[in-house]
Amino acid sequence: MRALPRERRQSARPDFVLLLASVAACAAAYLAWTSVPVPWVELVITDTRDLDPVLVGNVVLRGELALVGTIGLALAGVLGTLGLTWLFYGIDRGSNVPWFVNPAISIAATAIGIGGAILSSTVWFVWKDAAIERSRALGLSPEKLQELLDLQPPPFVEIQRQAGLMRFGGMMLVGFLAACAAMWSTRRRG
């Protein structure tokens, strides 16, 4: 046993850090995936054309209505897929993780997810198309709401974060930490 290389001596043992990172990444991906159909933001639109601002209305938007939600689904899918593959490589510490399941991919995907969550909670025009689709909830036609949102100066739009956005951003953060732990675990192998 002493004559074997170090990797072969350890190949019968699991890599608990990678296994834990795999479980955390899969759980985070699942919870991020299920948070997309949940309400993400509530937009409070106020018309500021006159000296006396007029409340147009409130509209609650789910993540799946905007491009950011579709991107979020893709990022959660990447995190979940890579998390599952880490499970297989975590069972045998002696096997090397190939480049196409490198945890750096998950680090990049979750960083993009965190950035998307921050962007969609601070910039209202991310939700412009989704708000126009839901214009009936404001009592306006899509054309009228489009015209209102395109006015100069633009209307005041307040964003109120909802549970789906907070859960998605939190799960992307958990996935980021899991990917960092997986990266640390796989670097020890090399």
Protein backbone atom coordinates (compact mmCIF):
# COMPACT_ATOMS: atom_id res chain seq x y z
CA MET A 1 0.00 0.00 0.00
CA ARG A 2 2.85 2.41 0.72
CA ALA A 3 4.30 1.85 -2.77
CA LEU A 4 1.13 3.10 -4.44
CA PRO A 5 0.82 6.79 -5.36
CA ARG A 6 -1.06 8.93 -2.85
CA GLU A 7 -4.14 9.20 -5.12
CA ARG A 8 -4.50 5.42 -5.34
CA ARG A 9 -4.18 5.00 -1.57
CA GLN A 10 -7.03 7.46 -1.04
CA SER A 11 -9.26 6.30 -3.87
CA ALA A 12 -11.33 4.05 -1.63
CA ARG A 13 -12.38 7.00 0.55
CA PRO A 14 -15.06 9.58 -0.21
CA ASP A 15 -14.39 13.28 -0.38
CA PHE A 16 -16.83 14.60 2.20
CA VAL A 17 -16.26 18.27 1.30
CA LEU A 18 -17.19 17.62 -2.34
CA LEU A 19 -20.17 15.49 -1.30
CA LEU A 20 -21.42 18.24 1.00
CA ALA A 21 -20.87 20.85 -1.71
CA SER A 22 -22.79 18.63 -4.13
CA VAL A 23 -25.79 18.29 -1.82
CA ALA A 24 -25.78 22.03 -1.05
CA ALA A 25 -25.54 22.93 -4.75
CA CYS A 26 -28.38 20.58 -5.70
CA ALA A 27 -30.61 21.90 -2.91
CA ALA A 28 -29.81 25.51 -3.82
CA ALA A 29 -30.50 24.81 -7.49
CA TYR A 30 -33.86 23.21 -6.71
CA LEU A 31 -34.96 26.04 -4.43
CA ALA A 32 -33.77 28.67 -6.94
CA TRP A 33 -35.65 26.84 -9.71
CA THR A 34 -38.87 26.77 -7.67
CA SER A 35 -38.55 30.45 -6.75
CA VAL A 36 -38.86 31.66 -10.35
CA PRO A 37 -42.68 31.21 -10.65
CA VAL A 38 -43.17 33.00 -7.29
CA PRO A 39 -43.73 36.81 -7.20
CA TRP A 40 -40.38 38.62 -7.41
CA VAL A 41 -41.29 42.29 -7.35
CA GLU A 42 -44.17 44.66 -6.95
CA LEU A 43 -43.94 47.79 -9.07
CA VAL A 44 -45.64 50.94 -7.83
CA ILE A 45 -46.01 53.23 -10.83
CA THR A 46 -46.59 56.97 -10.33
CA ASP A 47 -47.22 59.38 -13.19
CA THR A 48 -45.03 62.47 -12.68
CA ARG A 49 -46.05 64.52 -15.75
CA ASP A 50 -47.90 67.12 -13.69
CA LEU A 51 -46.83 68.97 -10.60
CA ASP A 52 -49.14 66.73 -8.59
CA PRO A 53 -47.96 63.09 -9.04
CA VAL A 54 -50.74 60.57 -9.66
CA LEU A 55 -50.56 56.94 -8.59
CA VAL A 56 -51.17 54.76 -11.64
CA GLY A 57 -51.25 51.50 -9.69
CA ASN A 58 -49.40 48.49 -8.36
CA VAL A 59 -48.52 45.36 -10.30
CA VAL A 60 -46.97 42.19 -8.88
CA LEU A 61 -44.62 40.37 -11.26
CA ARG A 62 -43.26 36.84 -11.11
CA GLY A 63 -39.74 36.01 -12.22
CA GLU A 64 -40.92 33.86 -15.11
CA LEU A 65 -42.50 36.88 -16.81
CA ALA A 66 -39.15 38.60 -17.40
CA LEU A 67 -35.95 37.64 -19.17
CA VAL A 68 -34.13 37.65 -15.83
CA GLY A 69 -36.35 34.77 -14.68
CA THR A 70 -35.57 32.72 -17.79
CA ILE A 71 -31.86 33.32 -17.26
CA GLY A 72 -32.35 32.36 -13.60
CA LEU A 73 -33.85 29.02 -14.65
CA ALA A 74 -30.85 28.33 -16.88
CA LEU A 75 -28.40 29.24 -14.11
CA ALA A 76 -30.23 27.03 -11.60
CA GLY A 77 -30.11 24.20 -14.15
CA VAL A 78 -26.34 24.61 -14.58
CA LEU A 79 -25.82 24.63 -10.82
CA GLY A 80 -27.99 21.54 -10.32
CA THR A 81 -26.38 19.58 -13.15
CA LEU A 82 -22.86 20.29 -11.96
CA GLY A 83 -23.87 19.58 -8.36
CA LEU A 84 -25.10 16.13 -9.40
CA THR A 85 -21.87 15.34 -11.21
CA TRP A 86 -19.82 16.38 -8.17
CA LEU A 87 -21.72 13.72 -6.25
CA PHE A 88 -20.18 11.00 -8.41
CA TYR A 89 -16.67 12.42 -8.14
CA GLY A 90 -17.06 12.96 -4.40
CA ILE A 91 -17.60 9.25 -3.81
CA ASP A 92 -14.03 8.47 -4.91
CA ARG A 93 -11.40 10.92 -3.69
CA GLY A 94 -8.76 9.47 -6.02
CA SER A 95 -10.59 10.35 -9.24
CA ASN A 96 -9.91 13.69 -10.86
CA VAL A 97 -12.76 16.04 -11.76
CA PRO A 98 -12.76 16.70 -15.54
CA TRP A 99 -12.69 20.21 -16.94
CA PHE A 100 -16.32 20.21 -18.13
CA VAL A 101 -17.65 19.83 -14.57
CA ASN A 102 -15.17 22.25 -13.05
CA PRO A 103 -16.65 24.14 -10.09
CA ALA A 104 -15.42 27.40 -11.64
CA ILE A 105 -18.35 27.12 -14.07
CA SER A 106 -20.75 27.08 -11.11
CA ILE A 107 -18.94 29.97 -9.49
CA ALA A 108 -19.45 32.03 -12.66
CA ALA A 109 -23.10 30.93 -13.03
CA THR A 110 -24.00 31.77 -9.44
CA ALA A 111 -22.16 35.11 -9.61
CA ILE A 112 -24.25 35.97 -12.67
CA GLY A 113 -27.36 34.87 -10.76
CA ILE A 114 -26.50 37.07 -7.79
CA GLY A 115 -25.83 39.99 -10.14
CA GLY A 116 -29.15 39.40 -11.92
CA ALA A 117 -31.02 39.34 -8.61
CA ILE A 118 -29.39 42.61 -7.54
CA LEU A 119 -30.04 44.22 -10.92
CA SER A 120 -33.68 43.17 -11.01
CA SER A 121 -34.26 44.49 -7.50
CA THR A 122 -32.79 47.93 -8.22
CA VAL A 123 -33.55 48.78 -11.85
CA TRP A 124 -37.20 48.93 -12.88
CA PHE A 125 -36.73 48.76 -16.65
CA VAL A 126 -35.73 45.10 -16.29
CA TRP A 127 -39.45 44.56 -15.63
CA LYS A 128 -40.79 46.91 -18.31
CA ASP A 129 -41.91 44.21 -20.77
CA ALA A 130 -43.45 42.12 -18.00
CA ALA A 131 -45.32 45.15 -16.67
CA ILE A 132 -46.68 45.91 -20.15
CA GLU A 133 -47.90 42.32 -20.43
CA ARG A 134 -49.70 42.72 -17.09
CA SER A 135 -51.04 46.20 -17.90
CA ARG A 136 -54.63 45.01 -17.38
CA ALA A 137 -53.84 44.70 -13.65
CA LEU A 138 -53.24 48.47 -13.68
CA GLY A 139 -56.45 49.17 -15.57
CA LEU A 140 -54.59 50.31 -18.68
CA SER A 141 -54.17 48.94 -22.16
CA PRO A 142 -50.68 47.75 -23.13
CA GLU A 143 -50.36 50.69 -25.53
CA LYS A 144 -51.27 53.25 -22.84
CA LEU A 145 -48.81 51.77 -20.35
CA GLN A 146 -46.09 51.66 -23.02
CA GLU A 147 -46.75 55.31 -23.78
CA LEU A 148 -46.65 56.22 -20.07
CA LEU A 149 -43.38 54.36 -19.45
CA ASP A 150 -41.75 55.98 -22.50
CA LEU A 151 -42.60 59.55 -21.42
CA GLN A 152 -39.91 62.08 -20.57
CA PRO A 153 -39.46 62.56 -17.69
CA PRO A 154 -40.22 58.89 -17.06
CA PRO A 155 -42.75 57.97 -14.39
CA PHE A 156 -41.55 57.20 -10.92
CA VAL A 157 -41.47 53.42 -10.45
CA GLU A 158 -40.80 52.04 -7.00
CA ILE A 159 -39.64 48.43 -6.72
CA GLN A 160 -40.73 46.42 -3.71
CA ARG A 161 -38.91 43.10 -3.42
CA GLN A 162 -41.02 39.99 -2.94
CA ALA A 163 -40.23 36.54 -1.55
CA GLY A 164 -39.27 34.92 -4.86
CA LEU A 165 -36.50 37.39 -5.61
CA MET A 166 -35.06 37.17 -2.11
CA ARG A 167 -35.15 33.36 -2.16
CA PHE A 168 -33.57 33.20 -5.62
CA GLY A 169 -30.76 35.56 -4.62
CA GLY A 170 -30.20 33.67 -1.37
CA MET A 171 -30.02 30.32 -3.12
CA MET A 172 -27.57 31.69 -5.67
CA LEU A 173 -25.41 32.81 -2.75
CA VAL A 174 -25.62 29.33 -1.18
CA GLY A 175 -24.74 27.84 -4.56
CA PHE A 176 -21.78 30.21 -4.85
CA LEU A 177 -20.46 29.09 -1.45
CA ALA A 178 -21.00 25.42 -2.37
CA ALA A 179 -19.13 25.94 -5.65
CA CYS A 180 -16.26 27.60 -3.78
CA ALA A 181 -16.09 24.61 -1.42
CA ALA A 182 -16.11 22.24 -4.41
CA MET A 183 -13.36 24.26 -6.06
CA TRP A 184 -11.25 24.04 -2.90
CA SER A 185 -11.88 20.30 -2.71
CA THR A 186 -10.95 19.63 -6.32
CA ARG A 187 -7.80 21.78 -6.13
CA ARG A 188 -6.53 19.60 -3.28
CA ARG A 189 -6.61 16.63 -5.66
CA GLY A 190 -4.25 18.11 -8.20
